[in-house]
Amino acid sequence: MRCVQFRTALSARIDGEPAGLPDRRLDKHVARCGACREWLDRAERLRGAVAGAGAGGPSADWSAKLLASLGGQGDGEQGVDGQGLGGQGLGGDGPGGDGRGADGSAAAGRPGQGNGGPVR
């Protein structure tokens, strides 16, 4: 199995959905694979941050703080997907709001859907 398949299952597990793989198998892979361990850590941090937005939805200030905490807001750090957050870091919703990144490329999908894209 490839990491992208494990990440799809891990994403489902984080969201409370059936993972499609036994927890023991997922945990064993994460224990052995540093890249998936880092991916899982970032995904869990993002989920926790999004959950903190509250029922009323995130404010502009909250969103700015989230982006800054994930890096890429003028500090040169990387986003959750290993890229800066200048358009694609959180699902590719660039300035046009059309689901494309700042560079006009198609947005990356959910982990496991093609290229192991960013956490959504």
PDB file of N, CA and C in Angstrom:
ATOM      1  N   MET A   1       0.841  -1.195   0.000  1.00  0.00           N
ATOM      2  CA  MET A   1       0.000   0.000   0.000  1.00  0.00           C
ATOM      3  C   MET A   1       0.874   1.243   0.000  1.00  0.00           C
ATOM      4  N   ARG A   2       0.404   2.256  -0.637  1.00  0.00           N
ATOM      5  CA  ARG A   2       1.144   3.507  -0.712  1.00  0.00           C
ATOM      6  C   ARG A   2       0.678   4.465   0.375  1.00  0.00           C
ATOM      7  N   CYS A   3       1.548   5.420   0.710  1.00  0.00           N
ATOM      8  CA  CYS A   3       1.223   6.403   1.745  1.00  0.00           C
ATOM      9  C   CYS A   3      -0.073   7.147   1.443  1.00  0.00           C
ATOM     10  N   VAL A   4      -0.321   7.445   0.188  1.00  0.00           N
ATOM     11  CA  VAL A   4      -1.513   8.195  -0.170  1.00  0.00           C
ATOM     12  C   VAL A   4      -2.777   7.433   0.255  1.00  0.00           C
ATOM     13  N   GLN A   5      -2.746   6.121   0.180  1.00  0.00           N
ATOM     14  CA  GLN A   5      -3.897   5.318   0.603  1.00  0.00           C
ATOM     15  C   GLN A   5      -4.050   5.352   2.126  1.00  0.00           C
ATOM     16  N   PHE A   6      -2.934   5.314   2.841  1.00  0.00           N
ATOM     17  CA  PHE A   6      -2.999   5.421   4.297  1.00  0.00           C
ATOM     18  C   PHE A   6      -3.507   6.801   4.708  1.00  0.00           C
ATOM     19  N   ARG A   7      -3.081   7.832   4.004  1.00  0.00           N
ATOM     20  CA  ARG A   7      -3.513   9.188   4.353  1.00  0.00           C
ATOM     21  C   ARG A   7      -5.003   9.389   4.103  1.00  0.00           C
ATOM     22  N   THR A   8      -5.528   8.755   3.083  1.00  0.00           N
ATOM     23  CA  THR A   8      -6.972   8.815   2.847  1.00  0.00           C
ATOM     24  C   THR A   8      -7.711   8.189   4.022  1.00  0.00           C
ATOM     25  N   ALA A   9      -7.234   7.046   4.469  1.00  0.00           N
ATOM     26  CA  ALA A   9      -7.855   6.368   5.609  1.00  0.00           C
ATOM     27  C   ALA A   9      -7.693   7.187   6.885  1.00  0.00           C
ATOM     28  N   LEU A  10      -6.527   7.784   7.083  1.00  0.00           N
ATOM     29  CA  LEU A  10      -6.298   8.617   8.267  1.00  0.00           C
ATOM     30  C   LEU A  10      -7.204   9.842   8.252  1.00  0.00           C
ATOM     31  N   SER A  11      -7.374  10.446   7.088  1.00  0.00           N
ATOM     32  CA  SER A  11      -8.257  11.599   6.963  1.00  0.00           C
ATOM     33  C   SER A  11      -9.688  11.229   7.344  1.00  0.00           C
ATOM     34  N   ALA A  12     -10.138  10.087   6.861  1.00  0.00           N
ATOM     35  CA  ALA A  12     -11.486   9.623   7.210  1.00  0.00           C
ATOM     36  C   ALA A  12     -11.594   9.399   8.712  1.00  0.00           C
ATOM     37  N   ARG A  13     -10.579   8.781   9.299  1.00  0.00           N
ATOM     38  CA  ARG A  13     -10.601   8.510  10.744  1.00  0.00           C
ATOM     39  C   ARG A  13     -10.651   9.808  11.536  1.00  0.00           C
ATOM     40  N   ILE A  14      -9.880  10.803  11.138  1.00  0.00           N
ATOM     41  CA  ILE A  14      -9.891  12.099  11.825  1.00  0.00           C
ATOM     42  C   ILE A  14     -11.283  12.719  11.771  1.00  0.00           C
ATOM     43  N   ASP A  15     -11.958  12.552  10.637  1.00  0.00           N
ATOM     44  CA  ASP A  15     -13.295  13.124  10.450  1.00  0.00           C
ATOM     45  C   ASP A  15     -14.405  12.295  11.086  1.00  0.00           C
ATOM     46  N   GLY A  16     -14.038  11.191  11.729  1.00  0.00           N
ATOM     47  CA  GLY A  16     -15.039  10.342  12.360  1.00  0.00           C
ATOM     48  C   GLY A  16     -15.751   9.426  11.387  1.00  0.00           C
ATOM     49  N   GLU A  17     -15.196   9.281  10.201  1.00  0.00           N
ATOM     50  CA  GLU A  17     -15.771   8.404   9.177  1.00  0.00           C
ATOM     51  C   GLU A  17     -15.069   7.052   9.218  1.00  0.00           C
ATOM     52  N   PRO A  18     -15.685   6.019   8.649  1.00  0.00           N
ATOM     53  CA  PRO A  18     -14.997   4.725   8.567  1.00  0.00           C
ATOM     54  C   PRO A  18     -13.713   4.871   7.749  1.00  0.00           C
ATOM     55  N   ALA A  19     -12.623   4.366   8.299  1.00  0.00           N
ATOM     56  CA  ALA A  19     -11.318   4.507   7.650  1.00  0.00           C
ATOM     57  C   ALA A  19     -11.123   3.509   6.518  1.00  0.00           C
ATOM     58  N   GLY A  20     -11.817   2.405   6.577  1.00  0.00           N
ATOM     59  CA  GLY A  20     -11.637   1.383   5.550  1.00  0.00           C
ATOM     60  C   GLY A  20     -10.446   0.480   5.799  1.00  0.00           C
ATOM     61  N   LEU A  21      -9.681   0.778   6.828  1.00  0.00           N
ATOM     62  CA  LEU A  21      -8.544  -0.041   7.248  1.00  0.00           C
ATOM     63  C   LEU A  21      -8.593  -0.164   8.763  1.00  0.00           C
ATOM     64  N   PRO A  22      -8.111  -1.273   9.294  1.00  0.00           N
ATOM     65  CA  PRO A  22      -8.094  -1.419  10.752  1.00  0.00           C
ATOM     66  C   PRO A  22      -7.197  -0.359  11.407  1.00  0.00           C
ATOM     67  N   ASP A  23      -7.633   0.163  12.550  1.00  0.00           N
ATOM     68  CA  ASP A  23      -6.842   1.156  13.274  1.00  0.00           C
ATOM     69  C   ASP A  23      -5.426   0.659  13.540  1.00  0.00           C
ATOM     70  N   ARG A  24      -5.314  -0.606  13.880  1.00  0.00           N
ATOM     71  CA  ARG A  24      -3.996  -1.170  14.185  1.00  0.00           C
ATOM     72  C   ARG A  24      -3.056  -1.043  12.977  1.00  0.00           C
ATOM     73  N   ARG A  25      -3.577  -1.293  11.789  1.00  0.00           N
ATOM     74  CA  ARG A  25      -2.749  -1.189  10.581  1.00  0.00           C
ATOM     75  C   ARG A  25      -2.346   0.263  10.323  1.00  0.00           C
ATOM     76  N   LEU A  26      -3.287   1.189  10.504  1.00  0.00           N
ATOM     77  CA  LEU A  26      -2.976   2.606  10.336  1.00  0.00           C
ATOM     78  C   LEU A  26      -1.918   3.057  11.335  1.00  0.00           C
ATOM     79  N   ASP A  27      -2.118   2.685  12.594  1.00  0.00           N
ATOM     80  CA  ASP A  27      -1.180   3.088  13.638  1.00  0.00           C
ATOM     81  C   ASP A  27       0.211   2.515  13.398  1.00  0.00           C
ATOM     82  N   LYS A  28       0.271   1.292  12.915  1.00  0.00           N
ATOM     83  CA  LYS A  28       1.552   0.653  12.624  1.00  0.00           C
ATOM     84  C   LYS A  28       2.274   1.410  11.505  1.00  0.00           C
ATOM     85  N   HIS A  29       1.534   1.789  10.465  1.00  0.00           N
ATOM     86  CA  HIS A  29       2.153   2.529   9.366  1.00  0.00           C
ATOM     87  C   HIS A  29       2.665   3.885   9.851  1.00  0.00           C
ATOM     88  N   VAL A  30       1.847   4.600  10.614  1.00  0.00           N
ATOM     89  CA  VAL A  30       2.242   5.922  11.105  1.00  0.00           C
ATOM     90  C   VAL A  30       3.484   5.816  11.996  1.00  0.00           C
ATOM     91  N   ALA A  31       3.566   4.752  12.780  1.00  0.00           N
ATOM     92  CA  ALA A  31       4.736   4.559  13.645  1.00  0.00           C
ATOM     93  C   ALA A  31       6.013   4.359  12.833  1.00  0.00           C
ATOM     94  N   ARG A  32       5.887   3.775  11.660  1.00  0.00           N
ATOM     95  CA  ARG A  32       7.061   3.475  10.825  1.00  0.00           C
ATOM     96  C   ARG A  32       7.370   4.547   9.784  1.00  0.00           C
ATOM     97  N   CYS A  33       6.402   5.357   9.432  1.00  0.00           N
ATOM     98  CA  CYS A  33       6.557   6.311   8.323  1.00  0.00           C
ATOM     99  C   CYS A  33       6.583   7.752   8.855  1.00  0.00           C
ATOM    100  N   GLY A  34       7.742   8.353   8.832  1.00  0.00           N
ATOM    101  CA  GLY A  34       7.880   9.725   9.316  1.00  0.00           C
ATOM    102  C   GLY A  34       7.059  10.726   8.526  1.00  0.00           C
ATOM    103  N   ALA A  35       6.963  10.539   7.217  1.00  0.00           N
ATOM    104  CA  ALA A  35       6.198  11.473   6.385  1.00  0.00           C
ATOM    105  C   ALA A  35       4.712  11.432   6.743  1.00  0.00           C
ATOM    106  N   CYS A  36       4.177  10.242   6.946  1.00  0.00           N
ATOM    107  CA  CYS A  36       2.758  10.134   7.320  1.00  0.00           C
ATOM    108  C   CYS A  36       2.532  10.607   8.754  1.00  0.00           C
ATOM    109  N   ARG A  37       3.515  10.406   9.611  1.00  0.00           N
ATOM    110  CA  ARG A  37       3.413  10.886  10.992  1.00  0.00           C
ATOM    111  C   ARG A  37       3.328  12.415  10.997  1.00  0.00           C
ATOM    112  N   GLU A  38       4.170  13.074  10.197  1.00  0.00           N
ATOM    113  CA  GLU A  38       4.121  14.534  10.088  1.00  0.00           C
ATOM    114  C   GLU A  38       2.806  14.988   9.466  1.00  0.00           C
ATOM    115  N   TRP A  39       2.339  14.286   8.430  1.00  0.00           N
ATOM    116  CA  TRP A  39       1.072  14.623   7.781  1.00  0.00           C
ATOM    117  C   TRP A  39      -0.076  14.534   8.788  1.00  0.00           C
ATOM    118  N   LEU A  40      -0.094  13.458   9.573  1.00  0.00           N
ATOM    119  CA  LEU A  40      -1.151  13.263  10.562  1.00  0.00           C
ATOM    120  C   LEU A  40      -1.119  14.362  11.621  1.00  0.00           C
ATOM    121  N   ASP A  41       0.076  14.737  12.059  1.00  0.00           N
ATOM    122  CA  ASP A  41       0.199  15.807  13.051  1.00  0.00           C
ATOM    123  C   ASP A  41      -0.373  17.115  12.506  1.00  0.00           C
ATOM    124  N   ARG A  42      -0.027  17.464  11.274  1.00  0.00           N
ATOM    125  CA  ARG A  42      -0.553  18.698  10.667  1.00  0.00           C
ATOM    126  C   ARG A  42      -2.066  18.621  10.489  1.00  0.00           C
ATOM    127  N   ALA A  43      -2.559  17.474  10.063  1.00  0.00           N
ATOM    128  CA  ALA A  43      -4.004  17.311   9.856  1.00  0.00           C
ATOM    129  C   ALA A  43      -4.762  17.452  11.172  1.00  0.00           C
ATOM    130  N   GLU A  44      -4.225  16.872  12.235  1.00  0.00           N
ATOM    131  CA  GLU A  44      -4.888  16.971  13.541  1.00  0.00           C
ATOM    132  C   GLU A  44      -4.844  18.401  14.078  1.00  0.00           C
ATOM    133  N   ARG A  45      -3.723  19.096  13.859  1.00  0.00           N
ATOM    134  CA  ARG A  45      -3.642  20.503  14.293  1.00  0.00           C
ATOM    135  C   ARG A  45      -4.647  21.354  13.528  1.00  0.00           C
ATOM    136  N   LEU A  46      -4.752  21.130  12.235  1.00  0.00           N
ATOM    137  CA  LEU A  46      -5.700  21.888  11.423  1.00  0.00           C
ATOM    138  C   LEU A  46      -7.129  21.609  11.864  1.00  0.00           C
ATOM    139  N   ARG A  47      -7.446  20.354  12.094  1.00  0.00           N
ATOM    140  CA  ARG A  47      -8.800  19.999  12.545  1.00  0.00           C
ATOM    141  C   ARG A  47      -9.119  20.680  13.873  1.00  0.00           C
ATOM    142  N   GLY A  48      -8.166  20.663  14.796  1.00  0.00           N
ATOM    143  CA  GLY A  48      -8.370  21.327  16.085  1.00  0.00           C
ATOM    144  C   GLY A  48      -8.568  22.825  15.933  1.00  0.00           C
ATOM    145  N   ALA A  49      -7.792  23.432  15.050  1.00  0.00           N
ATOM    146  CA  ALA A  49      -7.917  24.873  14.833  1.00  0.00           C
ATOM    147  C   ALA A  49      -9.260  25.219  14.206  1.00  0.00           C
ATOM    148  N   VAL A  50      -9.693  24.433  13.248  1.00  0.00           N
ATOM    149  CA  VAL A  50     -10.979  24.678  12.593  1.00  0.00           C
ATOM    150  C   VAL A  50     -12.128  24.459  13.575  1.00  0.00           C
ATOM    151  N   ALA A  51     -12.011  23.451  14.424  1.00  0.00           N
ATOM    152  CA  ALA A  51     -13.051  23.190  15.421  1.00  0.00           C
ATOM    153  C   ALA A  51     -13.179  24.361  16.391  1.00  0.00           C
ATOM    154  N   GLY A  52     -12.095  25.097  16.594  1.00  0.00           N
ATOM    155  CA  GLY A  52     -12.113  26.243  17.492  1.00  0.00           C
ATOM    156  C   GLY A  52     -12.807  27.464  16.915  1.00  0.00           C
ATOM    157  N   ALA A  53     -13.252  27.398  15.680  1.00  0.00           N
ATOM    158  CA  ALA A  53     -13.897  28.548  15.042  1.00  0.00           C
ATOM    159  C   ALA A  53     -15.269  28.824  15.637  1.00  0.00           C
ATOM    160  N   GLY A  54     -15.908  27.814  16.193  1.00  0.00           N
ATOM    161  CA  GLY A  54     -17.217  28.005  16.787  1.00  0.00           C
ATOM    162  C   GLY A  54     -18.346  27.826  15.791  1.00  0.00           C
ATOM    163  N   ALA A  55     -19.562  27.771  16.317  1.00  0.00           N
ATOM    164  CA  ALA A  55     -20.739  27.496  15.498  1.00  0.00           C
ATOM    165  C   ALA A  55     -21.068  28.635  14.539  1.00  0.00           C
ATOM    166  N   GLY A  56     -20.707  29.854  14.889  1.00  0.00           N
ATOM    167  CA  GLY A  56     -21.020  30.998  14.041  1.00  0.00           C
ATOM    168  C   GLY A  56     -20.115  31.123  12.833  1.00  0.00           C
ATOM    169  N   GLY A  57     -19.152  30.231  12.736  1.00  0.00           N
ATOM    170  CA  GLY A  57     -18.207  30.309  11.622  1.00  0.00           C
ATOM    171  C   GLY A  57     -17.024  31.186  11.979  1.00  0.00           C
ATOM    172  N   PRO A  58     -15.978  31.058  11.230  1.00  0.00           N
ATOM    173  CA  PRO A  58     -14.768  31.818  11.544  1.00  0.00           C
ATOM    174  C   PRO A  58     -14.886  33.283  11.135  1.00  0.00           C
ATOM    175  N   SER A  59     -14.348  34.148  11.983  1.00  0.00           N
ATOM    176  CA  SER A  59     -14.273  35.563  11.636  1.00  0.00           C
ATOM    177  C   SER A  59     -13.039  35.788  10.770  1.00  0.00           C
ATOM    178  N   ALA A  60     -12.942  36.941  10.177  1.00  0.00           N
ATOM    179  CA  ALA A  60     -11.764  37.266   9.361  1.00  0.00           C
ATOM    180  C   ALA A  60     -10.509  37.255  10.224  1.00  0.00           C
ATOM    181  N   ASP A  61     -10.623  37.754  11.457  1.00  0.00           N
ATOM    182  CA  ASP A  61      -9.478  37.767  12.369  1.00  0.00           C
ATOM    183  C   ASP A  61      -9.054  36.346  12.715  1.00  0.00           C
ATOM    184  N   TRP A  62     -10.029  35.483  12.996  1.00  0.00           N
ATOM    185  CA  TRP A  62      -9.717  34.085  13.322  1.00  0.00           C
ATOM    186  C   TRP A  62      -9.033  33.416  12.138  1.00  0.00           C
ATOM    187  N   SER A  63      -9.549  33.648  10.935  1.00  0.00           N
ATOM    188  CA  SER A  63      -8.960  33.050   9.735  1.00  0.00           C
ATOM    189  C   SER A  63      -7.523  33.514   9.538  1.00  0.00           C
ATOM    190  N   ALA A  64      -7.275  34.799   9.756  1.00  0.00           N
ATOM    191  CA  ALA A  64      -5.917  35.329   9.610  1.00  0.00           C
ATOM    192  C   ALA A  64      -4.980  34.687  10.622  1.00  0.00           C
ATOM    193  N   LYS A  65      -5.455  34.512  11.858  1.00  0.00           N
ATOM    194  CA  LYS A  65      -4.626  33.875  12.884  1.00  0.00           C
ATOM    195  C   LYS A  65      -4.344  32.421  12.527  1.00  0.00           C
ATOM    196  N   LEU A  66      -5.336  31.724  11.994  1.00  0.00           N
ATOM    197  CA  LEU A  66      -5.134  30.334  11.590  1.00  0.00           C
ATOM    198  C   LEU A  66      -4.080  30.253  10.495  1.00  0.00           C
ATOM    199  N   LEU A  67      -4.217  31.078   9.485  1.00  0.00           N
ATOM    200  CA  LEU A  67      -3.247  31.063   8.391  1.00  0.00           C
ATOM    201  C   LEU A  67      -1.849  31.386   8.897  1.00  0.00           C
ATOM    202  N   ALA A  68      -1.747  32.347   9.795  1.00  0.00           N
ATOM    203  CA  ALA A  68      -0.439  32.702  10.342  1.00  0.00           C
ATOM    204  C   ALA A  68       0.141  31.552  11.158  1.00  0.00           C
ATOM    205  N   SER A  69      -0.715  30.855  11.921  1.00  0.00           N
ATOM    206  CA  SER A  69      -0.219  29.747  12.743  1.00  0.00           C
ATOM    207  C   SER A  69       0.240  28.573  11.896  1.00  0.00           C
ATOM    208  N   LEU A  70      -0.321  28.434  10.700  1.00  0.00           N
ATOM    209  CA  LEU A  70       0.077  27.362   9.798  1.00  0.00           C
ATOM    210  C   LEU A  70       1.259  27.763   8.934  1.00  0.00           C
ATOM    211  N   GLY A  71       1.637  29.017   8.984  1.00  0.00           N
ATOM    212  CA  GLY A  71       2.777  29.495   8.204  1.00  0.00           C
ATOM    213  C   GLY A  71       2.335  30.034   6.865  1.00  0.00           C
ATOM    214  N   GLY A  72       3.249  30.729   6.217  1.00  0.00           N
ATOM    215  CA  GLY A  72       2.982  31.201   4.872  1.00  0.00           C
ATOM    216  C   GLY A  72       2.341  32.567   4.784  1.00  0.00           C
ATOM    217  N   GLN A  73       2.094  33.239   5.879  1.00  0.00           N
ATOM    218  CA  GLN A  73       1.522  34.578   5.830  1.00  0.00           C
ATOM    219  C   GLN A  73       2.636  35.615   5.982  1.00  0.00           C
ATOM    220  N   GLY A  74       3.469  35.694   4.973  1.00  0.00           N
ATOM    221  CA  GLY A  74       4.512  36.701   4.978  1.00  0.00           C
ATOM    222  C   GLY A  74       5.744  36.314   5.766  1.00  0.00           C
ATOM    223  N   ASP A  75       5.739  35.153   6.413  1.00  0.00           N
ATOM    224  CA  ASP A  75       6.902  34.762   7.200  1.00  0.00           C
ATOM    225  C   ASP A  75       7.755  33.727   6.493  1.00  0.00           C
ATOM    226  N   GLY A  76       7.374  33.330   5.283  1.00  0.00           N
ATOM    227  CA  GLY A  76       8.169  32.409   4.497  1.00  0.00           C
ATOM    228  C   GLY A  76       8.053  30.955   4.904  1.00  0.00           C
ATOM    229  N   GLU A  77       7.177  30.645   5.860  1.00  0.00           N
ATOM    230  CA  GLU A  77       7.037  29.260   6.289  1.00  0.00           C
ATOM    231  C   GLU A  77       6.098  28.508   5.371  1.00  0.00           C
ATOM    232  N   GLN A  78       6.061  27.200   5.560  1.00  0.00           N
ATOM    233  CA  GLN A  78       5.255  26.328   4.723  1.00  0.00           C
ATOM    234  C   GLN A  78       3.880  26.114   5.335  1.00  0.00           C
ATOM    235  N   GLY A  79       2.897  25.824   4.493  1.00  0.00           N
ATOM    236  CA  GLY A  79       1.549  25.507   4.935  1.00  0.00           C
ATOM    237  C   GLY A  79       1.401  24.025   5.221  1.00  0.00           C
ATOM    238  N   VAL A  80       0.178  23.594   5.496  1.00  0.00           N
ATOM    239  CA  VAL A  80      -0.080  22.209   5.867  1.00  0.00           C
ATOM    240  C   VAL A  80       0.256  21.218   4.776  1.00  0.00           C
ATOM    241  N   ASP A  81       0.309  21.649   3.547  1.00  0.00           N
ATOM    242  CA  ASP A  81       0.602  20.732   2.450  1.00  0.00           C
ATOM    243  C   ASP A  81       2.034  20.854   1.961  1.00  0.00           C
ATOM    244  N   GLY A  82       2.880  21.554   2.734  1.00  0.00           N
ATOM    245  CA  GLY A  82       4.263  21.709   2.347  1.00  0.00           C
ATOM    246  C   GLY A  82       4.490  22.862   1.383  1.00  0.00           C
ATOM    247  N   GLN A  83       3.453  23.618   1.084  1.00  0.00           N
ATOM    248  CA  GLN A  83       3.565  24.781   0.212  1.00  0.00           C
ATOM    249  C   GLN A  83       3.207  26.005   1.034  1.00  0.00           C
ATOM    250  N   GLY A  84       3.580  27.165   0.554  1.00  0.00           N
ATOM    251  CA  GLY A  84       3.096  28.383   1.172  1.00  0.00           C
ATOM    252  C   GLY A  84       1.589  28.448   0.991  1.00  0.00           C
ATOM    253  N   LEU A  85       0.918  29.239   1.785  1.00  0.00           N
ATOM    254  CA  LEU A  85      -0.539  29.295   1.726  1.00  0.00           C
ATOM    255  C   LEU A  85      -1.039  30.411   0.820  1.00  0.00           C
ATOM    256  N   GLY A  86      -0.258  30.810  -0.135  1.00  0.00           N
ATOM    257  CA  GLY A  86      -0.628  31.910  -1.000  1.00  0.00           C
ATOM    258  C   GLY A  86      -1.750  31.611  -1.965  1.00  0.00           C
ATOM    259  N   GLY A  87      -2.441  30.526  -1.848  1.00  0.00           N
ATOM    260  CA  GLY A  87      -3.554  30.266  -2.746  1.00  0.00           C
ATOM    261  C   GLY A  87      -3.972  28.828  -2.729  1.00  0.00           C
ATOM    262  N   GLN A  88      -3.043  27.911  -2.489  1.00  0.00           N
ATOM    263  CA  GLN A  88      -3.406  26.510  -2.551  1.00  0.00           C
ATOM    264  C   GLN A  88      -3.293  25.793  -1.225  1.00  0.00           C
ATOM    265  N   GLY A  89      -2.715  26.380  -0.215  1.00  0.00           N
ATOM    266  CA  GLY A  89      -2.429  25.670   1.018  1.00  0.00           C
ATOM    267  C   GLY A  89      -3.633  25.079   1.717  1.00  0.00           C
ATOM    268  N   LEU A  90      -4.790  25.681   1.582  1.00  0.00           N
ATOM    269  CA  LEU A  90      -5.974  25.161   2.266  1.00  0.00           C
ATOM    270  C   LEU A  90      -7.036  24.763   1.263  1.00  0.00           C
ATOM    271  N   GLY A  91      -6.635  24.093   0.225  1.00  0.00           N
ATOM    272  CA  GLY A  91      -7.611  23.557  -0.702  1.00  0.00           C
ATOM    273  C   GLY A  91      -7.646  24.247  -2.043  1.00  0.00           C
ATOM    274  N   GLY A  92      -6.803  25.234  -2.250  1.00  0.00           N
ATOM    275  CA  GLY A  92      -6.694  25.818  -3.567  1.00  0.00           C
ATOM    276  C   GLY A  92      -7.681  26.916  -3.880  1.00  0.00           C
ATOM    277  N   ASP A  93      -8.352  27.463  -2.886  1.00  0.00           N
ATOM    278  CA  ASP A  93      -9.267  28.552  -3.166  1.00  0.00           C
ATOM    279  C   ASP A  93      -8.479  29.848  -3.229  1.00  0.00           C
ATOM    280  N   GLY A  94      -8.019  30.157  -4.408  1.00  0.00           N
ATOM    281  CA  GLY A  94      -7.201  31.335  -4.626  1.00  0.00           C
ATOM    282  C   GLY A  94      -8.045  32.589  -4.693  1.00  0.00           C
ATOM    283  N   PRO A  95      -7.441  33.679  -5.108  1.00  0.00           N
ATOM    284  CA  PRO A  95      -8.107  34.974  -5.120  1.00  0.00           C
ATOM    285  C   PRO A  95      -9.415  34.999  -5.900  1.00  0.00           C
ATOM    286  N   GLY A  96      -9.547  34.168  -6.924  1.00  0.00           N
ATOM    287  CA  GLY A  96     -10.765  34.170  -7.722  1.00  0.00           C
ATOM    288  C   GLY A  96     -11.933  33.459  -7.076  1.00  0.00           C
ATOM    289  N   GLY A  97     -11.689  32.705  -6.000  1.00  0.00           N
ATOM    290  CA  GLY A  97     -12.753  31.982  -5.331  1.00  0.00           C
ATOM    291  C   GLY A  97     -13.381  30.903  -6.187  1.00  0.00           C
ATOM    292  N   ASP A  98     -12.687  30.498  -7.247  1.00  0.00           N
ATOM    293  CA  ASP A  98     -13.244  29.522  -8.177  1.00  0.00           C
ATOM    294  C   ASP A  98     -12.703  28.118  -7.960  1.00  0.00           C
ATOM    295  N   GLY A  99     -12.041  27.896  -6.826  1.00  0.00           N
ATOM    296  CA  GLY A  99     -11.490  26.577  -6.560  1.00  0.00           C
ATOM    297  C   GLY A  99     -10.132  26.365  -7.196  1.00  0.00           C
ATOM    298  N   ARG A 100      -9.586  27.386  -7.809  1.00  0.00           N
ATOM    299  CA  ARG A 100      -8.255  27.287  -8.410  1.00  0.00           C
ATOM    300  C   ARG A 100      -7.272  28.042  -7.531  1.00  0.00           C
ATOM    301  N   GLY A 101      -6.038  27.640  -7.606  1.00  0.00           N
ATOM    302  CA  GLY A 101      -5.000  28.285  -6.829  1.00  0.00           C
ATOM    303  C   GLY A 101      -4.665  29.662  -7.377  1.00  0.00           C
ATOM    304  N   ALA A 102      -3.787  30.358  -6.654  1.00  0.00           N
ATOM    305  CA  ALA A 102      -3.390  31.701  -7.054  1.00  0.00           C
ATOM    306  C   ALA A 102      -2.738  31.707  -8.430  1.00  0.00           C
ATOM    307  N   ASP A 103      -2.123  30.590  -8.799  1.00  0.00           N
ATOM    308  CA  ASP A 103      -1.466  30.508 -10.102  1.00  0.00           C
ATOM    309  C   ASP A 103      -2.408  30.032 -11.205  1.00  0.00           C
ATOM    310  N   GLY A 104      -3.696  29.826 -10.878  1.00  0.00           N
ATOM    311  CA  GLY A 104      -4.674  29.405 -11.864  1.00  0.00           C
ATOM    312  C   GLY A 104      -4.777  27.906 -12.046  1.00  0.00           C
ATOM    313  N   SER A 105      -3.935  27.152 -11.324  1.00  0.00           N
ATOM    314  CA  SER A 105      -3.975  25.699 -11.466  1.00  0.00           C
ATOM    315  C   SER A 105      -5.176  25.132 -10.729  1.00  0.00           C
ATOM    316  N   ALA A 106      -5.568  23.931 -11.115  1.00  0.00           N
ATOM    317  CA  ALA A 106      -6.685  23.267 -10.446  1.00  0.00           C
ATOM    318  C   ALA A 106      -6.312  23.004  -9.003  1.00  0.00           C
ATOM    319  N   ALA A 107      -7.284  23.091  -8.125  1.00  0.00           N
ATOM    320  CA  ALA A 107      -7.050  22.854  -6.704  1.00  0.00           C
ATOM    321  C   ALA A 107      -6.704  21.398  -6.453  1.00  0.00           C
ATOM    322  N   ALA A 108      -5.842  21.182  -5.481  1.00  0.00           N
ATOM    323  CA  ALA A 108      -5.505  19.819  -5.083  1.00  0.00           C
ATOM    324  C   ALA A 108      -6.686  19.223  -4.339  1.00  0.00           C
ATOM    325  N   GLY A 109      -6.844  17.930  -4.437  1.00  0.00           N
ATOM    326  CA  GLY A 109      -7.984  17.268  -3.820  1.00  0.00           C
ATOM    327  C   GLY A 109      -7.721  16.793  -2.412  1.00  0.00           C
ATOM    328  N   ARG A 110      -8.646  16.024  -1.919  1.00  0.00           N
ATOM    329  CA  ARG A 110      -8.526  15.427  -0.604  1.00  0.00           C
ATOM    330  C   ARG A 110      -7.378  14.428  -0.628  1.00  0.00           C
ATOM    331  N   PRO A 111      -6.673  14.279   0.487  1.00  0.00           N
ATOM    332  CA  PRO A 111      -5.572  13.321   0.499  1.00  0.00           C
ATOM    333  C   PRO A 111      -6.023  11.974  -0.045  1.00  0.00           C
ATOM    334  N   GLY A 112      -5.220  11.434  -0.928  1.00  0.00           N
ATOM    335  CA  GLY A 112      -5.539  10.146  -1.519  1.00  0.00           C
ATOM    336  C   GLY A 112      -6.245  10.256  -2.854  1.00  0.00           C
ATOM    337  N   GLN A 113      -6.606  11.435  -3.236  1.00  0.00           N
ATOM    338  CA  GLN A 113      -7.314  11.619  -4.494  1.00  0.00           C
ATOM    339  C   GLN A 113      -6.353  12.178  -5.532  1.00  0.00           C
ATOM    340  N   GLY A 114      -5.462  11.346  -6.004  1.00  0.00           N
ATOM    341  CA  GLY A 114      -4.557  11.764  -7.059  1.00  0.00           C
ATOM    342  C   GLY A 114      -3.175  12.073  -6.563  1.00  0.00           C
ATOM    343  N   ASN A 115      -3.000  13.184  -5.872  1.00  0.00           N
ATOM    344  CA  ASN A 115      -1.657  13.600  -5.532  1.00  0.00           C
ATOM    345  C   ASN A 115      -1.399  13.760  -4.045  1.00  0.00           C
ATOM    346  N   GLY A 116      -2.272  13.273  -3.182  1.00  0.00           N
ATOM    347  CA  GLY A 116      -2.049  13.426  -1.747  1.00  0.00           C
ATOM    348  C   GLY A 116      -2.149  14.878  -1.330  1.00  0.00           C
ATOM    349  N   GLY A 117      -3.110  15.602  -1.885  1.00  0.00           N
ATOM    350  CA  GLY A 117      -3.265  17.039  -1.691  1.00  0.00           C
ATOM    351  C   GLY A 117      -3.456  17.441  -0.244  1.00  0.00           C
ATOM    352  N   PRO A 118      -3.745  18.691  -0.021  1.00  0.00           N
ATOM    353  CA  PRO A 118      -3.846  19.223   1.327  1.00  0.00           C
ATOM    354  C   PRO A 118      -5.052  18.677   2.081  1.00  0.00           C
ATOM    355  N   VAL A 119      -4.984  18.828   3.361  1.00  0.00           N
ATOM    356  CA  VAL A 119      -6.092  18.421   4.229  1.00  0.00           C
ATOM    357  C   VAL A 119      -7.249  19.359   3.987  1.00  0.00           C
ATOM    358  N   ARG A 120      -8.436  18.819   3.900  1.00  0.00           N
ATOM    359  CA  ARG A 120      -9.615  19.651   3.696  1.00  0.00           C
ATOM    360  C   ARG A 120     -10.577  19.462   4.815  1.00  0.00           C
TER     361      ARG A 120
END
